[in-house]
Protein backbone atom coordinates (compact mmCIF):
# COMPACT_ATOMS: atom_id res chain seq x y z
CA UNK A 1 -44.39 15.13 11.20
CA UNK A 2 -45.08 13.19 14.59
CA UNK A 3 -43.07 13.57 17.73
CA UNK A 4 -42.39 11.06 20.42
CA UNK A 5 -44.58 11.56 23.68
CA UNK A 6 -42.47 14.29 25.27
CA UNK A 7 -42.43 15.97 22.18
CA UNK A 8 -38.81 15.58 21.05
CA UNK A 9 -38.23 14.57 17.54
CA UNK A 10 -36.73 11.41 16.21
CA UNK A 11 -33.99 11.39 14.71
CA UNK A 12 -32.34 7.41 13.96
CA UNK A 13 -28.51 7.51 13.04
CA UNK A 14 -27.38 5.04 10.71
CA UNK A 15 -23.17 4.03 10.36
CA UNK A 16 -21.29 1.72 11.23
CA UNK A 17 -18.54 4.62 11.96
CA UNK A 18 -18.72 5.20 16.18
CA UNK A 19 -17.15 8.40 16.11
CA UNK A 20 -19.59 9.32 13.08
CA UNK A 21 -22.04 8.30 14.69
CA UNK A 22 -21.13 10.16 18.43
CA UNK A 23 -20.36 13.37 16.63
CA UNK A 24 -23.50 13.54 14.79
CA UNK A 25 -25.93 12.68 18.30
CA UNK A 26 -23.93 14.70 19.82
CA UNK A 27 -24.99 17.89 17.70
CA UNK A 28 -28.41 16.76 17.43
CA UNK A 29 -28.77 16.00 21.20
CA UNK A 30 -27.54 19.43 21.72
CA UNK A 31 -30.52 20.72 19.73
CA UNK A 32 -33.40 18.94 20.96
CA UNK A 33 -33.65 15.89 19.10
CA UNK A 34 -33.80 12.09 20.32
CA UNK A 35 -30.99 9.99 19.08
CA UNK A 36 -31.26 6.64 18.40
CA UNK A 37 -29.09 4.44 16.28
CA UNK A 38 -27.54 1.92 14.20
CA UNK A 39 -24.56 0.47 12.77
CA UNK A 40 -26.21 -1.43 9.72
CA UNK A 41 -29.12 -0.95 6.91
CA UNK A 42 -30.40 -3.98 8.36
CA UNK A 43 -31.13 -2.88 12.27
CA UNK A 44 -31.77 -0.02 10.95
CA UNK A 45 -35.02 -1.32 9.47
CA UNK A 46 -36.07 -2.69 12.44
CA UNK A 47 -35.89 -0.60 14.76
CA UNK A 48 -36.74 2.22 11.78
CA UNK A 49 -40.12 -0.21 12.05
CA UNK A 50 -40.24 -0.12 15.79
CA UNK A 51 -39.52 3.31 16.75
CA UNK A 52 -40.72 4.80 13.76
CA UNK A 53 -38.00 8.27 13.77
CA UNK A 54 -39.16 11.63 12.24
CA UNK A 55 -36.39 11.20 10.51
CA UNK A 56 -33.39 8.39 9.11
CA UNK A 57 -29.40 10.33 9.13
CA UNK A 58 -28.04 6.88 7.08
CA UNK A 59 -24.40 6.23 5.67
CA UNK A 60 -24.08 4.36 2.61
CA UNK A 61 -20.90 2.24 2.90
CA UNK A 62 -21.85 -0.47 6.01
CA UNK A 63 -21.76 -4.06 6.51
CA UNK A 64 -24.33 -6.48 6.67
CA UNK A 65 -26.97 -4.22 4.17
CA UNK A 66 -26.30 -0.87 2.73
CA UNK A 67 -27.89 2.26 3.30
CA UNK A 68 -28.75 1.95 -0.42
CA UNK A 69 -30.62 -1.02 -0.08
CA UNK A 70 -31.84 -0.48 3.39
CA UNK A 71 -33.57 2.86 2.27
CA UNK A 72 -35.07 1.10 -1.00
CA UNK A 73 -36.87 -1.50 1.37
CA UNK A 74 -37.76 1.88 3.49
CA UNK A 75 -39.12 3.50 0.53
CA UNK A 76 -41.10 0.08 -0.11
CA UNK A 77 -42.32 -0.55 2.89
CA UNK A 78 -45.88 1.10 3.73
CA UNK A 79 -45.12 1.52 7.37
CA UNK A 80 -41.29 3.14 6.62
CA UNK A 81 -42.17 4.64 2.88
CA UNK A 82 -43.07 8.34 4.74
CA UNK A 83 -39.79 8.71 7.32
CA UNK A 84 -37.45 11.16 5.21
CA UNK A 85 -34.16 9.82 4.58
CA UNK A 86 -30.72 12.08 4.30
CA UNK A 87 -27.84 9.89 2.66
CA UNK A 88 -24.30 10.83 4.88
CA UNK A 89 -21.44 9.46 2.41
CA UNK A 90 -18.31 9.95 1.83
CA UNK A 91 -18.83 9.35 -2.19
CA UNK A 92 -19.11 12.62 -3.84
CA UNK A 93 -19.36 11.77 -7.02
CA UNK A 94 -22.55 13.09 -8.75
CA UNK A 95 -23.72 9.17 -10.16
CA UNK A 96 -23.30 8.36 -6.35
CA UNK A 97 -25.16 10.86 -5.12
CA UNK A 98 -28.25 10.69 -7.80
CA UNK A 99 -28.27 6.70 -6.82
CA UNK A 100 -28.88 7.13 -3.38
CA UNK A 101 -31.53 10.06 -4.64
CA UNK A 102 -32.85 7.38 -6.57
CA UNK A 103 -33.19 4.78 -4.07
CA UNK A 104 -35.86 7.39 -1.94
CA UNK A 105 -33.35 9.69 0.35
CA UNK A 106 -34.64 13.38 0.69
CA UNK A 107 -31.38 14.70 0.59
CA UNK A 108 -27.47 13.73 0.33
CA UNK A 109 -24.55 15.30 1.91
CA UNK A 110 -20.95 14.53 1.57
CA UNK A 111 -18.62 13.80 4.30
CA UNK A 112 -16.84 15.53 6.21
CA UNK A 113 -19.77 17.73 7.24
CA UNK A 114 -20.11 20.40 10.12
CA UNK A 115 -22.98 19.79 12.89
CA UNK A 116 -24.38 23.49 11.99
CA UNK A 117 -25.17 21.81 8.07
CA UNK A 118 -25.85 18.72 9.29
CA UNK A 119 -28.86 20.14 12.04
CA UNK A 120 -29.44 22.81 9.66
CA UNK A 121 -30.98 20.40 7.24
CA UNK A 122 -32.66 18.28 9.54
CA UNK A 123 -34.76 21.60 10.75
CA UNK A 124 -34.98 22.52 6.45
CA UNK A 125 -36.43 18.82 6.07
CA UNK A 126 -38.72 18.23 9.12
CA UNK A 127 -39.69 22.36 9.32
CA UNK A 128 -40.90 22.03 5.96
């Protein structure tokens, strides 16, 4: 995986709930990650193309464009297709999780989750 110029790995956090963005950002920056954020899928696609994050953590339910559609579009674009995506959602039904994985996500984490669990998943994917 590529790292930004200062050696820090970059994470794009996409969620329309500011407290979730703060929680995730705090946990990740405390573990040495650079964090950028977006509040909808459309902006996430723009930032993914501009910033080239090492991984994307994306909520499913958001305004403008939901996480499933954004994930599909990112995976269809050769410039962003290789970026791993982790879906974060309160939707916990098996069929909802399968839809996220079929849309291109590597993992699907159900909210609420602990910061330790999330950081562990990010490391597991990036260090694989």
